[in-house]
PDB file of N, CA and C in Angstrom:
ATOM      1  N   MET A   1      14.604  10.776  16.741  1.00  0.00           N
ATOM      2  CA  MET A   1      13.588   9.911  17.314  1.00  0.00           C
ATOM      3  C   MET A   1      14.160   9.164  18.495  1.00  0.00           C
ATOM      4  N   SER A   2      13.420   9.188  19.578  1.00  0.00           N
ATOM      5  CA  SER A   2      13.837   8.415  20.741  1.00  0.00           C
ATOM      6  C   SER A   2      12.639   7.584  21.188  1.00  0.00           C
ATOM      7  N   ARG A   3      12.920   6.612  22.064  1.00  0.00           N
ATOM      8  CA  ARG A   3      11.864   5.702  22.509  1.00  0.00           C
ATOM      9  C   ARG A   3      11.794   5.638  24.034  1.00  0.00           C
ATOM     10  N   ASN A   4      10.575   5.456  24.484  1.00  0.00           N
ATOM     11  CA  ASN A   4      10.314   5.138  25.883  1.00  0.00           C
ATOM     12  C   ASN A   4      10.490   3.654  26.099  1.00  0.00           C
ATOM     13  N   HIS A   5      10.960   3.221  27.285  1.00  0.00           N
ATOM     14  CA  HIS A   5      10.963   1.825  27.608  1.00  0.00           C
ATOM     15  C   HIS A   5       9.503   1.346  27.761  1.00  0.00           C
ATOM     16  N   GLU A   6       9.278   0.160  27.225  1.00  0.00           N
ATOM     17  CA  GLU A   6       7.897  -0.375  27.334  1.00  0.00           C
ATOM     18  C   GLU A   6       7.929  -1.816  27.907  1.00  0.00           C
ATOM     19  N   ASP A   7       6.999  -2.077  28.736  1.00  0.00           N
ATOM     20  CA  ASP A   7       6.737  -3.479  29.210  1.00  0.00           C
ATOM     21  C   ASP A   7       5.491  -3.925  28.488  1.00  0.00           C
ATOM     22  N   PHE A   8       5.613  -4.952  27.677  1.00  0.00           N
ATOM     23  CA  PHE A   8       4.492  -5.428  26.882  1.00  0.00           C
ATOM     24  C   PHE A   8       3.649  -6.374  27.677  1.00  0.00           C
ATOM     25  N   HIS A   9       2.378  -6.207  27.531  1.00  0.00           N
ATOM     26  CA  HIS A   9       1.396  -7.152  28.138  1.00  0.00           C
ATOM     27  C   HIS A   9       0.957  -8.113  27.025  1.00  0.00           C
ATOM     28  N   LYS A  10       1.353  -9.365  27.113  1.00  0.00           N
ATOM     29  CA  LYS A  10       0.981 -10.336  26.089  1.00  0.00           C
ATOM     30  C   LYS A  10      -0.391 -10.912  26.405  1.00  0.00           C
ATOM     31  N   LEU A  11      -1.271 -10.923  25.371  1.00  0.00           N
ATOM     32  CA  LEU A  11      -2.606 -11.444  25.577  1.00  0.00           C
ATOM     33  C   LEU A  11      -2.557 -12.930  25.880  1.00  0.00           C
ATOM     34  N   LYS A  12      -3.519 -13.443  26.639  1.00  0.00           N
ATOM     35  CA  LYS A  12      -3.554 -14.825  27.056  1.00  0.00           C
ATOM     36  C   LYS A  12      -4.261 -15.714  26.036  1.00  0.00           C
ATOM     37  N   TYR A  13      -4.909 -15.122  25.088  1.00  0.00           N
ATOM     38  CA  TYR A  13      -5.650 -15.866  24.095  1.00  0.00           C
ATOM     39  C   TYR A  13      -5.090 -15.601  22.700  1.00  0.00           C
ATOM     40  N   THR A  14      -5.440 -16.406  21.725  1.00  0.00           N
ATOM     41  CA  THR A  14      -4.923 -16.246  20.374  1.00  0.00           C
ATOM     42  C   THR A  14      -5.981 -15.672  19.449  1.00  0.00           C
ATOM     43  N   GLY A  15      -5.527 -15.187  18.285  1.00  0.00           N
ATOM     44  CA  GLY A  15      -6.431 -14.656  17.291  1.00  0.00           C
ATOM     45  C   GLY A  15      -6.825 -13.209  17.446  1.00  0.00           C
ATOM     46  N   ALA A  16      -6.246 -12.484  18.379  1.00  0.00           N
ATOM     47  CA  ALA A  16      -6.567 -11.093  18.604  1.00  0.00           C
ATOM     48  C   ALA A  16      -6.023 -10.214  17.452  1.00  0.00           C
ATOM     49  N   ILE A  17      -6.785  -9.135  17.153  1.00  0.00           N
ATOM     50  CA  ILE A  17      -6.398  -8.225  16.086  1.00  0.00           C
ATOM     51  C   ILE A  17      -6.384  -6.807  16.635  1.00  0.00           C
ATOM     52  N   ASP A  18      -5.351  -6.057  16.321  1.00  0.00           N
ATOM     53  CA  ASP A  18      -5.313  -4.623  16.623  1.00  0.00           C
ATOM     54  C   ASP A  18      -6.221  -3.963  15.582  1.00  0.00           C
ATOM     55  N   ALA A  19      -7.340  -3.426  16.003  1.00  0.00           N
ATOM     56  CA  ALA A  19      -8.314  -2.851  15.071  1.00  0.00           C
ATOM     57  C   ALA A  19      -8.104  -1.381  14.864  1.00  0.00           C
ATOM     58  N   ASP A  20      -7.076  -0.784  15.455  1.00  0.00           N
ATOM     59  CA  ASP A  20      -6.906   0.670  15.332  1.00  0.00           C
ATOM     60  C   ASP A  20      -5.383   0.994  15.345  1.00  0.00           C
ATOM     61  N   GLY A  21      -4.615   0.352  14.462  1.00  0.00           N
ATOM     62  CA  GLY A  21      -3.191   0.602  14.399  1.00  0.00           C
ATOM     63  C   GLY A  21      -2.848   1.840  13.570  1.00  0.00           C
ATOM     64  N   HIS A  22      -1.949   2.657  14.087  1.00  0.00           N
ATOM     65  CA  HIS A  22      -1.563   3.891  13.388  1.00  0.00           C
ATOM     66  C   HIS A  22      -0.017   3.996  13.362  1.00  0.00           C
ATOM     67  N   PRO A  23       0.601   3.909  12.192  1.00  0.00           N
ATOM     68  CA  PRO A  23       2.030   4.214  12.182  1.00  0.00           C
ATOM     69  C   PRO A  23       2.235   5.705  12.310  1.00  0.00           C
ATOM     70  N   VAL A  24       3.457   6.077  12.684  1.00  0.00           N
ATOM     71  CA  VAL A  24       3.825   7.505  12.747  1.00  0.00           C
ATOM     72  C   VAL A  24       4.586   7.753  11.464  1.00  0.00           C
ATOM     73  N   GLU A  25       3.930   8.398  10.512  1.00  0.00           N
ATOM     74  CA  GLU A  25       4.549   8.706   9.229  1.00  0.00           C
ATOM     75  C   GLU A  25       5.679   9.708   9.345  1.00  0.00           C
ATOM     76  N   ASP A  26       6.645   9.546   8.496  1.00  0.00           N
ATOM     77  CA  ASP A  26       7.698  10.540   8.367  1.00  0.00           C
ATOM     78  C   ASP A  26       7.017  11.848   7.988  1.00  0.00           C
ATOM     79  N   PRO A  27       7.366  12.971   8.675  1.00  0.00           N
ATOM     80  CA  PRO A  27       6.664  14.211   8.353  1.00  0.00           C
ATOM     81  C   PRO A  27       6.861  14.748   6.928  1.00  0.00           C
ATOM     82  N   THR A  28       7.894  14.221   6.247  1.00  0.00           N
ATOM     83  CA  THR A  28       8.109  14.651   4.864  1.00  0.00           C
ATOM     84  C   THR A  28       7.574  13.664   3.833  1.00  0.00           C
ATOM     85  N   LEU A  29       6.823  12.653   4.299  1.00  0.00           N
ATOM     86  CA  LEU A  29       6.312  11.607   3.418  1.00  0.00           C
ATOM     87  C   LEU A  29       5.593  12.170   2.180  1.00  0.00           C
ATOM     88  N   TRP A  30       4.634  13.031   2.370  1.00  0.00           N
ATOM     89  CA  TRP A  30       3.840  13.538   1.253  1.00  0.00           C
ATOM     90  C   TRP A  30       4.702  14.406   0.316  1.00  0.00           C
ATOM     91  N   GLU A  31       5.579  15.181   0.903  1.00  0.00           N
ATOM     92  CA  GLU A  31       6.418  16.058   0.041  1.00  0.00           C
ATOM     93  C   GLU A  31       7.372  15.244  -0.810  1.00  0.00           C
ATOM     94  N   ARG A  32       7.820  14.108  -0.295  1.00  0.00           N
ATOM     95  CA  ARG A  32       8.788  13.260  -1.044  1.00  0.00           C
ATOM     96  C   ARG A  32       8.105  12.316  -2.035  1.00  0.00           C
ATOM     97  N   TYR A  33       6.946  11.807  -1.731  1.00  0.00           N
ATOM     98  CA  TYR A  33       6.363  10.739  -2.561  1.00  0.00           C
ATOM     99  C   TYR A  33       5.129  11.104  -3.345  1.00  0.00           C
ATOM    100  N   LEU A  34       4.563  12.224  -3.167  1.00  0.00           N
ATOM    101  CA  LEU A  34       3.361  12.620  -3.920  1.00  0.00           C
ATOM    102  C   LEU A  34       3.730  12.839  -5.355  1.00  0.00           C
ATOM    103  N   GLU A  35       2.859  12.415  -6.266  1.00  0.00           N
ATOM    104  CA  GLU A  35       3.116  12.606  -7.709  1.00  0.00           C
ATOM    105  C   GLU A  35       3.316  14.101  -8.005  1.00  0.00           C
ATOM    106  N   ALA A  36       4.149  14.385  -8.986  1.00  0.00           N
ATOM    107  CA  ALA A  36       4.509  15.764  -9.337  1.00  0.00           C
ATOM    108  C   ALA A  36       3.277  16.655  -9.560  1.00  0.00           C
ATOM    109  N   LYS A  37       2.253  16.132 -10.217  1.00  0.00           N
ATOM    110  CA  LYS A  37       1.062  17.003 -10.502  1.00  0.00           C
ATOM    111  C   LYS A  37       0.298  17.372  -9.252  1.00  0.00           C
ATOM    112  N   TYR A  38       0.560  16.668  -8.131  1.00  0.00           N
ATOM    113  CA  TYR A  38      -0.119  16.988  -6.866  1.00  0.00           C
ATOM    114  C   TYR A  38       0.791  17.685  -5.842  1.00  0.00           C
ATOM    115  N   LYS A  39       2.010  17.943  -6.227  1.00  0.00           N
ATOM    116  CA  LYS A  39       2.976  18.604  -5.290  1.00  0.00           C
ATOM    117  C   LYS A  39       2.353  19.920  -4.776  1.00  0.00           C
ATOM    118  N   GLY A  40       2.558  20.172  -3.477  1.00  0.00           N
ATOM    119  CA  GLY A  40       1.970  21.348  -2.863  1.00  0.00           C
ATOM    120  C   GLY A  40       0.545  21.178  -2.372  1.00  0.00           C
ATOM    121  N   ARG A  41      -0.039  19.998  -2.689  1.00  0.00           N
ATOM    122  CA  ARG A  41      -1.430  19.738  -2.283  1.00  0.00           C
ATOM    123  C   ARG A  41      -1.547  18.642  -1.233  1.00  0.00           C
ATOM    124  N   GLY A  42      -0.424  18.045  -0.872  1.00  0.00           N
ATOM    125  CA  GLY A  42      -0.417  16.964   0.115  1.00  0.00           C
ATOM    126  C   GLY A  42      -0.443  17.522   1.540  1.00  0.00           C
ATOM    127  N   ILE A  43      -0.022  16.712   2.472  1.00  0.00           N
ATOM    128  CA  ILE A  43       0.023  17.073   3.891  1.00  0.00           C
ATOM    129  C   ILE A  43       1.442  17.431   4.240  1.00  0.00           C
ATOM    130  N   SER A  44       1.645  18.621   4.781  1.00  0.00           N
ATOM    131  CA  SER A  44       2.966  19.024   5.243  1.00  0.00           C
ATOM    132  C   SER A  44       2.918  19.298   6.735  1.00  0.00           C
ATOM    133  N   LEU A  45       4.008  19.027   7.419  1.00  0.00           N
ATOM    134  CA  LEU A  45       4.135  19.354   8.828  1.00  0.00           C
ATOM    135  C   LEU A  45       4.888  20.665   8.876  1.00  0.00           C
ATOM    136  N   LYS A  46       4.333  21.649   9.519  1.00  0.00           N
ATOM    137  CA  LYS A  46       4.906  22.993   9.586  1.00  0.00           C
ATOM    138  C   LYS A  46       5.070  23.461  11.010  1.00  0.00           C
ATOM    139  N   THR A  47       5.903  24.462  11.203  1.00  0.00           N
ATOM    140  CA  THR A  47       6.034  25.111  12.507  1.00  0.00           C
ATOM    141  C   THR A  47       5.954  26.594  12.290  1.00  0.00           C
ATOM    142  N   ASP A  48       5.104  27.233  13.099  1.00  0.00           N
ATOM    143  CA  ASP A  48       4.910  28.700  13.040  1.00  0.00           C
ATOM    144  C   ASP A  48       4.929  29.213  14.485  1.00  0.00           C
ATOM    145  N   ASP A  49       5.814  30.092  14.768  1.00  0.00           N
ATOM    146  CA  ASP A  49       5.921  30.604  16.169  1.00  0.00           C
ATOM    147  C   ASP A  49       6.039  29.469  17.172  1.00  0.00           C
ATOM    148  N   LYS A  50       6.799  28.437  16.772  1.00  0.00           N
ATOM    149  CA  LYS A  50       7.078  27.259  17.641  1.00  0.00           C
ATOM    150  C   LYS A  50       5.853  26.378  17.873  1.00  0.00           C
ATOM    151  N   VAL A  51       4.825  26.525  17.075  1.00  0.00           N
ATOM    152  CA  VAL A  51       3.650  25.663  17.165  1.00  0.00           C
ATOM    153  C   VAL A  51       3.626  24.781  15.932  1.00  0.00           C
ATOM    154  N   GLU A  52       3.611  23.460  16.141  1.00  0.00           N
ATOM    155  CA  GLU A  52       3.511  22.503  15.029  1.00  0.00           C
ATOM    156  C   GLU A  52       2.056  22.440  14.546  1.00  0.00           C
ATOM    157  N   TYR A  53       1.871  22.266  13.254  1.00  0.00           N
ATOM    158  CA  TYR A  53       0.551  22.076  12.684  1.00  0.00           C
ATOM    159  C   TYR A  53       0.719  21.355  11.368  1.00  0.00           C
ATOM    160  N   ILE A  54      -0.386  20.724  10.909  1.00  0.00           N
ATOM    161  CA  ILE A  54      -0.308  20.123   9.557  1.00  0.00           C
ATOM    162  C   ILE A  54      -0.961  21.140   8.587  1.00  0.00           C
ATOM    163  N   GLU A  55      -0.513  21.034   7.357  1.00  0.00           N
ATOM    164  CA  GLU A  55      -1.012  21.908   6.319  1.00  0.00           C
ATOM    165  C   GLU A  55      -1.449  21.073   5.148  1.00  0.00           C
ATOM    166  N   PRO A  56      -2.716  20.671   5.099  1.00  0.00           N
ATOM    167  CA  PRO A  56      -3.214  19.898   3.924  1.00  0.00           C
ATOM    168  C   PRO A  56      -3.581  20.874   2.814  1.00  0.00           C
ATOM    169  N   ASN A  57      -3.223  20.527   1.600  1.00  0.00           N
ATOM    170  CA  ASN A  57      -3.573  21.316   0.415  1.00  0.00           C
ATOM    171  C   ASN A  57      -3.140  22.784   0.535  1.00  0.00           C
ATOM    172  N   GLY A  58      -2.048  23.019   1.248  1.00  0.00           N
ATOM    173  CA  GLY A  58      -1.511  24.369   1.345  1.00  0.00           C
ATOM    174  C   GLY A  58      -2.225  25.294   2.302  1.00  0.00           C
ATOM    175  N   LYS A  59      -3.116  24.710   3.133  1.00  0.00           N
ATOM    176  CA  LYS A  59      -3.906  25.538   4.084  1.00  0.00           C
ATOM    177  C   LYS A  59      -3.667  25.042   5.486  1.00  0.00           C
ATOM    178  N   PRO A  60      -3.290  25.930   6.438  1.00  0.00           N
ATOM    179  CA  PRO A  60      -3.052  25.472   7.799  1.00  0.00           C
ATOM    180  C   PRO A  60      -4.308  24.887   8.452  1.00  0.00           C
ATOM    181  N   SER A  61      -4.102  23.787   9.127  1.00  0.00           N
ATOM    182  CA  SER A  61      -5.194  23.108   9.863  1.00  0.00           C
ATOM    183  C   SER A  61      -5.458  23.855  11.154  1.00  0.00           C
ATOM    184  N   SER A  62      -6.755  24.061  11.470  1.00  0.00           N
ATOM    185  CA  SER A  62      -7.074  24.680  12.765  1.00  0.00           C
ATOM    186  C   SER A  62      -7.286  23.618  13.814  1.00  0.00           C
ATOM    187  N   PHE A  63      -7.385  22.364  13.360  1.00  0.00           N
ATOM    188  CA  PHE A  63      -7.659  21.237  14.293  1.00  0.00           C
ATOM    189  C   PHE A  63      -6.359  20.536  14.702  1.00  0.00           C
ATOM    190  N   MET A  64      -5.550  20.122  13.719  1.00  0.00           N
ATOM    191  CA  MET A  64      -4.323  19.318  13.987  1.00  0.00           C
ATOM    192  C   MET A  64      -3.163  20.264  14.159  1.00  0.00           C
ATOM    193  N   ARG A  65      -3.018  20.766  15.388  1.00  0.00           N
ATOM    194  CA  ARG A  65      -1.913  21.698  15.633  1.00  0.00           C
ATOM    195  C   ARG A  65      -1.473  21.579  17.104  1.00  0.00           C
ATOM    196  N   GLY A  66      -0.274  22.026  17.341  1.00  0.00           N
ATOM    197  CA  GLY A  66       0.245  22.021  18.712  1.00  0.00           C
ATOM    198  C   GLY A  66       0.437  20.622  19.284  1.00  0.00           C
ATOM    199  N   PRO A  67       0.198  20.458  20.557  1.00  0.00           N
ATOM    200  CA  PRO A  67       0.459  19.143  21.187  1.00  0.00           C
ATOM    201  C   PRO A  67      -0.428  18.040  20.697  1.00  0.00           C
ATOM    202  N   ALA A  68      -1.500  18.321  19.990  1.00  0.00           N
ATOM    203  CA  ALA A  68      -2.317  17.241  19.425  1.00  0.00           C
ATOM    204  C   ALA A  68      -1.487  16.382  18.491  1.00  0.00           C
ATOM    205  N   LEU A  69      -0.509  16.941  17.777  1.00  0.00           N
ATOM    206  CA  LEU A  69       0.343  16.150  16.921  1.00  0.00           C
ATOM    207  C   LEU A  69       1.251  15.208  17.727  1.00  0.00           C
ATOM    208  N   GLY A  70       1.779  15.689  18.864  1.00  0.00           N
ATOM    209  CA  GLY A  70       2.586  14.826  19.703  1.00  0.00           C
ATOM    210  C   GLY A  70       1.790  13.685  20.283  1.00  0.00           C
ATOM    211  N   VAL A  71       0.511  13.922  20.567  1.00  0.00           N
ATOM    212  CA  VAL A  71      -0.403  12.851  21.074  1.00  0.00           C
ATOM    213  C   VAL A  71      -0.502  11.792  20.037  1.00  0.00           C
ATOM    214  N   LEU A  72      -0.677  12.168  18.757  1.00  0.00           N
ATOM    215  CA  LEU A  72      -0.785  11.181  17.701  1.00  0.00           C
ATOM    216  C   LEU A  72       0.454  10.269  17.656  1.00  0.00           C
ATOM    217  N   ALA A  73       1.617  10.894  17.754  1.00  0.00           N
ATOM    218  CA  ALA A  73       2.871  10.169  17.637  1.00  0.00           C
ATOM    219  C   ALA A  73       3.235   9.351  18.875  1.00  0.00           C
ATOM    220  N   ALA A  74       2.592   9.606  19.991  1.00  0.00           N
ATOM    221  CA  ALA A  74       2.930   8.916  21.235  1.00  0.00           C
ATOM    222  C   ALA A  74       2.341   7.510  21.268  1.00  0.00           C
ATOM    223  N   MET A  75       1.365   7.192  20.464  1.00  0.00           N
ATOM    224  CA  MET A  75       0.745   5.881  20.383  1.00  0.00           C
ATOM    225  C   MET A  75       0.395   5.295  21.770  1.00  0.00           C
ATOM    226  N   GLY A  76      -0.267   6.060  22.597  1.00  0.00           N
ATOM    227  CA  GLY A  76      -0.734   5.563  23.867  1.00  0.00           C
ATOM    228  C   GLY A  76       0.316   5.516  24.959  1.00  0.00           C
ATOM    229  N   GLN A  77       1.520   6.049  24.710  1.00  0.00           N
ATOM    230  CA  GLN A  77       2.577   6.010  25.704  1.00  0.00           C
ATOM    231  C   GLN A  77       2.363   6.992  26.856  1.00  0.00           C
ATOM    232  N   VAL A  78       1.644   8.017  26.585  1.00  0.00           N
ATOM    233  CA  VAL A  78       1.321   9.005  27.618  1.00  0.00           C
ATOM    234  C   VAL A  78      -0.150   9.395  27.474  1.00  0.00           C
ATOM    235  N   ASP A  79      -0.777   9.775  28.614  1.00  0.00           N
ATOM    236  CA  ASP A  79      -2.168  10.164  28.475  1.00  0.00           C
ATOM    237  C   ASP A  79      -2.242  11.592  27.938  1.00  0.00           C
ATOM    238  N   ARG A  80      -3.402  11.936  27.417  1.00  0.00           N
ATOM    239  CA  ARG A  80      -3.584  13.229  26.737  1.00  0.00           C
ATOM    240  C   ARG A  80      -3.241  14.391  27.648  1.00  0.00           C
ATOM    241  N   ALA A  81      -3.682  14.389  28.895  1.00  0.00           N
ATOM    242  CA  ALA A  81      -3.416  15.523  29.792  1.00  0.00           C
ATOM    243  C   ALA A  81      -1.934  15.698  30.032  1.00  0.00           C
ATOM    244  N   HIS A  82      -1.240  14.556  30.241  1.00  0.00           N
ATOM    245  CA  HIS A  82       0.230  14.618  30.497  1.00  0.00           C
ATOM    246  C   HIS A  82       0.968  15.126  29.261  1.00  0.00           C
ATOM    247  N   SER A  83       0.608  14.648  28.066  1.00  0.00           N
ATOM    248  CA  SER A  83       1.281  15.085  26.872  1.00  0.00           C
ATOM    249  C   SER A  83       1.037  16.528  26.548  1.00  0.00           C
ATOM    250  N   LEU A  84      -0.162  17.016  26.856  1.00  0.00           N
ATOM    251  CA  LEU A  84      -0.418  18.438  26.593  1.00  0.00           C
ATOM    252  C   LEU A  84       0.443  19.348  27.470  1.00  0.00           C
ATOM    253  N   ARG A  85       0.708  18.926  28.706  1.00  0.00           N
ATOM    254  CA  ARG A  85       1.582  19.706  29.574  1.00  0.00           C
ATOM    255  C   ARG A  85       3.024  19.684  29.112  1.00  0.00           C
ATOM    256  N   ARG A  86       3.461  18.528  28.546  1.00  0.00           N
ATOM    257  CA  ARG A  86       4.859  18.418  28.144  1.00  0.00           C
ATOM    258  C   ARG A  86       5.143  18.920  26.734  1.00  0.00           C
ATOM    259  N   GLN A  87       4.106  19.287  25.990  1.00  0.00           N
ATOM    260  CA  GLN A  87       4.272  19.798  24.613  1.00  0.00           C
ATOM    261  C   GLN A  87       5.089  18.811  23.760  1.00  0.00           C
ATOM    262  N   LEU A  88       4.631  17.602  23.660  1.00  0.00           N
ATOM    263  CA  LEU A  88       5.284  16.607  22.819  1.00  0.00           C
ATOM    264  C   LEU A  88       5.333  17.079  21.380  1.00  0.00           C
ATOM    265  N   LYS A  89       6.372  16.747  20.664  1.00  0.00           N
ATOM    266  CA  LYS A  89       6.523  17.084  19.234  1.00  0.00           C
ATOM    267  C   LYS A  89       6.275  15.812  18.416  1.00  0.00           C
ATOM    268  N   TYR A  90       5.704  15.988  17.250  1.00  0.00           N
ATOM    269  CA  TYR A  90       5.350  14.871  16.380  1.00  0.00           C
ATOM    270  C   TYR A  90       6.604  14.079  16.003  1.00  0.00           C
ATOM    271  N   GLY A  91       6.586  12.786  16.306  1.00  0.00           N
ATOM    272  CA  GLY A  91       7.631  11.863  15.913  1.00  0.00           C
ATOM    273  C   GLY A  91       8.944  11.954  16.659  1.00  0.00           C
ATOM    274  N   LYS A  92       9.016  12.735  17.714  1.00  0.00           N
ATOM    275  CA  LYS A  92      10.285  12.865  18.471  1.00  0.00           C
ATOM    276  C   LYS A  92      10.450  11.794  19.501  1.00  0.00           C
ATOM    277  N   LYS A  93       9.368  11.242  20.039  1.00  0.00           N
ATOM    278  CA  LYS A  93       9.473  10.162  21.043  1.00  0.00           C
ATOM    279  C   LYS A  93       8.436   9.141  20.686  1.00  0.00           C
ATOM    280  N   VAL A  94       8.855   8.077  20.057  1.00  0.00           N
ATOM    281  CA  VAL A  94       7.902   7.081  19.552  1.00  0.00           C
ATOM    282  C   VAL A  94       8.184   5.694  20.135  1.00  0.00           C
ATOM    283  N   PRO A  95       7.158   4.908  20.271  1.00  0.00           N
ATOM    284  CA  PRO A  95       7.315   3.538  20.811  1.00  0.00           C
ATOM    285  C   PRO A  95       7.739   2.562  19.712  1.00  0.00           C
ATOM    286  N   LEU A  96       8.117   1.383  20.119  1.00  0.00           N
ATOM    287  CA  LEU A  96       8.539   0.320  19.193  1.00  0.00           C
ATOM    288  C   LEU A  96       7.423   0.074  18.151  1.00  0.00           C
ATOM    289  N   GLY A  97       7.784   0.036  16.920  1.00  0.00           N
ATOM    290  CA  GLY A  97       6.845  -0.261  15.827  1.00  0.00           C
ATOM    291  C   GLY A  97       6.120   0.923  15.292  1.00  0.00           C
ATOM    292  N   ALA A  98       6.420   2.095  15.771  1.00  0.00           N
ATOM    293  CA  ALA A  98       5.714   3.269  15.328  1.00  0.00           C
ATOM    294  C   ALA A  98       6.107   3.719  13.929  1.00  0.00           C
ATOM    295  N   MET A  99       7.401   3.581  13.559  1.00  0.00           N
ATOM    296  CA  MET A  99       7.890   4.087  12.320  1.00  0.00           C
ATOM    297  C   MET A  99       8.570   3.048  11.445  1.00  0.00           C
ATOM    298  N   ASP A 100       8.587   1.772  11.852  1.00  0.00           N
ATOM    299  CA  ASP A 100       9.295   0.758  11.122  1.00  0.00           C
ATOM    300  C   ASP A 100       8.427  -0.500  11.049  1.00  0.00           C
ATOM    301  N   ALA A 101       8.213  -1.014   9.830  1.00  0.00           N
ATOM    302  CA  ALA A 101       7.322  -2.153   9.636  1.00  0.00           C
ATOM    303  C   ALA A 101       7.838  -3.410  10.308  1.00  0.00           C
ATOM    304  N   LYS A 102       9.159  -3.659  10.281  1.00  0.00           N
ATOM    305  CA  LYS A 102       9.684  -4.844  10.949  1.00  0.00           C
ATOM    306  C   LYS A 102       9.500  -4.766  12.447  1.00  0.00           C
ATOM    307  N   GLU A 103       9.688  -3.561  12.983  1.00  0.00           N
ATOM    308  CA  GLU A 103       9.441  -3.356  14.456  1.00  0.00           C
ATOM    309  C   GLU A 103       7.979  -3.537  14.763  1.00  0.00           C
ATOM    310  N   ARG A 104       7.100  -3.106  13.854  1.00  0.00           N
ATOM    311  CA  ARG A 104       5.667  -3.254  14.077  1.00  0.00           C
ATOM    312  C   ARG A 104       5.292  -4.754  14.217  1.00  0.00           C
ATOM    313  N   ILE A 105       5.898  -5.584  13.405  1.00  0.00           N
ATOM    314  CA  ILE A 105       5.635  -7.033  13.491  1.00  0.00           C
ATOM    315  C   ILE A 105       6.155  -7.548  14.820  1.00  0.00           C
ATOM    316  N   ALA A 106       7.339  -7.098  15.232  1.00  0.00           N
ATOM    317  CA  ALA A 106       7.888  -7.528  16.507  1.00  0.00           C
ATOM    318  C   ALA A 106       6.976  -7.105  17.660  1.00  0.00           C
ATOM    319  N   ARG A 107       6.406  -5.915  17.561  1.00  0.00           N
ATOM    320  CA  ARG A 107       5.483  -5.435  18.578  1.00  0.00           C
ATOM    321  C   ARG A 107       4.238  -6.272  18.643  1.00  0.00           C
ATOM    322  N   LEU A 108       3.657  -6.571  17.469  1.00  0.00           N
ATOM    323  CA  LEU A 108       2.458  -7.419  17.403  1.00  0.00           C
ATOM    324  C   LEU A 108       2.758  -8.759  18.053  1.00  0.00           C
ATOM    325  N   ASN A 109       3.892  -9.351  17.772  1.00  0.00           N
ATOM    326  CA  ASN A 109       4.296 -10.625  18.358  1.00  0.00           C
ATOM    327  C   ASN A 109       4.413 -10.522  19.889  1.00  0.00           C
ATOM    328  N   ALA A 110       5.045  -9.441  20.327  1.00  0.00           N
ATOM    329  CA  ALA A 110       5.255  -9.245  21.786  1.00  0.00           C
ATOM    330  C   ALA A 110       3.934  -9.091  22.517  1.00  0.00           C
ATOM    331  N   GLU A 111       2.956  -8.512  21.847  1.00  0.00           N
ATOM    332  CA  GLU A 111       1.648  -8.270  22.449  1.00  0.00           C
ATOM    333  C   GLU A 111       0.688  -9.431  22.243  1.00  0.00           C
ATOM    334  N   GLY A 112       1.093 -10.430  21.421  1.00  0.00           N
ATOM    335  CA  GLY A 112       0.242 -11.569  21.160  1.00  0.00           C
ATOM    336  C   GLY A 112      -0.867 -11.284  20.166  1.00  0.00           C
ATOM    337  N   LEU A 113      -0.653 -10.330  19.292  1.00  0.00           N
ATOM    338  CA  LEU A 113      -1.638  -9.999  18.279  1.00  0.00           C
ATOM    339  C   LEU A 113      -1.308 -10.685  16.963  1.00  0.00           C
ATOM    340  N   ASP A 114      -2.341 -11.205  16.297  1.00  0.00           N
ATOM    341  CA  ASP A 114      -2.141 -11.916  15.046  1.00  0.00           C
ATOM    342  C   ASP A 114      -2.137 -11.036  13.825  1.00  0.00           C
ATOM    343  N   ALA A 115      -2.753  -9.853  13.904  1.00  0.00           N
ATOM    344  CA  ALA A 115      -2.874  -8.960  12.740  1.00  0.00           C
ATOM    345  C   ALA A 115      -3.234  -7.568  13.228  1.00  0.00           C
ATOM    346  N   ALA A 116      -3.181  -6.602  12.318  1.00  0.00           N
ATOM    347  CA  ALA A 116      -3.560  -5.258  12.621  1.00  0.00           C
ATOM    348  C   ALA A 116      -4.163  -4.560  11.432  1.00  0.00           C
ATOM    349  N   PHE A 117      -5.217  -3.794  11.673  1.00  0.00           N
ATOM    350  CA  PHE A 117      -5.743  -2.911  10.671  1.00  0.00           C
ATOM    351  C   PHE A 117      -4.923  -1.599  10.864  1.00  0.00           C
ATOM    352  N   VAL A 118      -4.396  -1.076   9.796  1.00  0.00           N
ATOM    353  CA  VAL A 118      -3.505   0.124   9.909  1.00  0.00           C
ATOM    354  C   VAL A 118      -4.131   1.307   9.192  1.00  0.00           C
ATOM    355  N   TYR A 119      -4.163   2.422   9.880  1.00  0.00           N
ATOM    356  CA  TYR A 119      -4.723   3.688   9.344  1.00  0.00           C
ATOM    357  C   TYR A 119      -3.687   4.758   9.457  1.00  0.00           C
ATOM    358  N   PRO A 120      -3.763   5.825   8.622  1.00  0.00           N
ATOM    359  CA  PRO A 120      -2.760   6.888   8.705  1.00  0.00           C
ATOM    360  C   PRO A 120      -2.917   7.695   9.979  1.00  0.00           C
ATOM    361  N   SER A 121      -1.817   8.237  10.427  1.00  0.00           N
ATOM    362  CA  SER A 121      -1.871   9.177  11.582  1.00  0.00           C
ATOM    363  C   SER A 121      -1.928  10.633  11.064  1.00  0.00           C
ATOM    364  N   LEU A 122      -1.083  10.939  10.103  1.00  0.00           N
ATOM    365  CA  LEU A 122      -1.147  12.266   9.502  1.00  0.00           C
ATOM    366  C   LEU A 122      -2.200  12.273   8.403  1.00  0.00           C
ATOM    367  N   SER A 123      -3.446  12.478   8.817  1.00  0.00           N
ATOM    368  CA  SER A 123      -4.510  12.492   7.854  1.00  0.00           C
ATOM    369  C   SER A 123      -5.078  13.888   7.732  1.00  0.00           C
ATOM    370  N   VAL A 124      -6.012  14.045   6.879  1.00  0.00           N
ATOM    371  CA  VAL A 124      -6.549  15.380   6.584  1.00  0.00           C
ATOM    372  C   VAL A 124      -7.613  15.795   7.635  1.00  0.00           C
ATOM    373  N   HIS A 125      -7.241  16.760   8.432  1.00  0.00           N
ATOM    374  CA  HIS A 125      -8.148  17.438   9.400  1.00  0.00           C
ATOM    375  C   HIS A 125      -7.967  18.907   9.174  1.00  0.00           C
ATOM    376  N   VAL A 126      -8.940  19.604   8.753  1.00  0.00           N
ATOM    377  CA  VAL A 126      -8.781  21.040   8.477  1.00  0.00           C
ATOM    378  C   VAL A 126      -9.500  21.888   9.468  1.00  0.00           C
TER     379      VAL A 126
END
């Protein structure tokens, strides 16, 4: 995992909330933590012919594959067109707070945000 340098823009007012926060989950999260009776049915990150894709419930996703996964993990650091040309890989280049809860709090403070709603990034898209 590597990081881009970021210049934070701190909000001028108080009480702001990040309404669309997404951590970048470890790609082995589901394989490591899913209950035994559900093993093999979670979300896996796979590579086939050098194309990354997610595999929910043991079936390859036709939607979440290739550079789309890198876009998820970039958290707004690059625009979609730029990231598609560069073929970003999931979780290889992440910003501050993407994969660590303490860093996420530091990021919220740096941006002047009081709270965040957090949603998964590696979610089920088939």
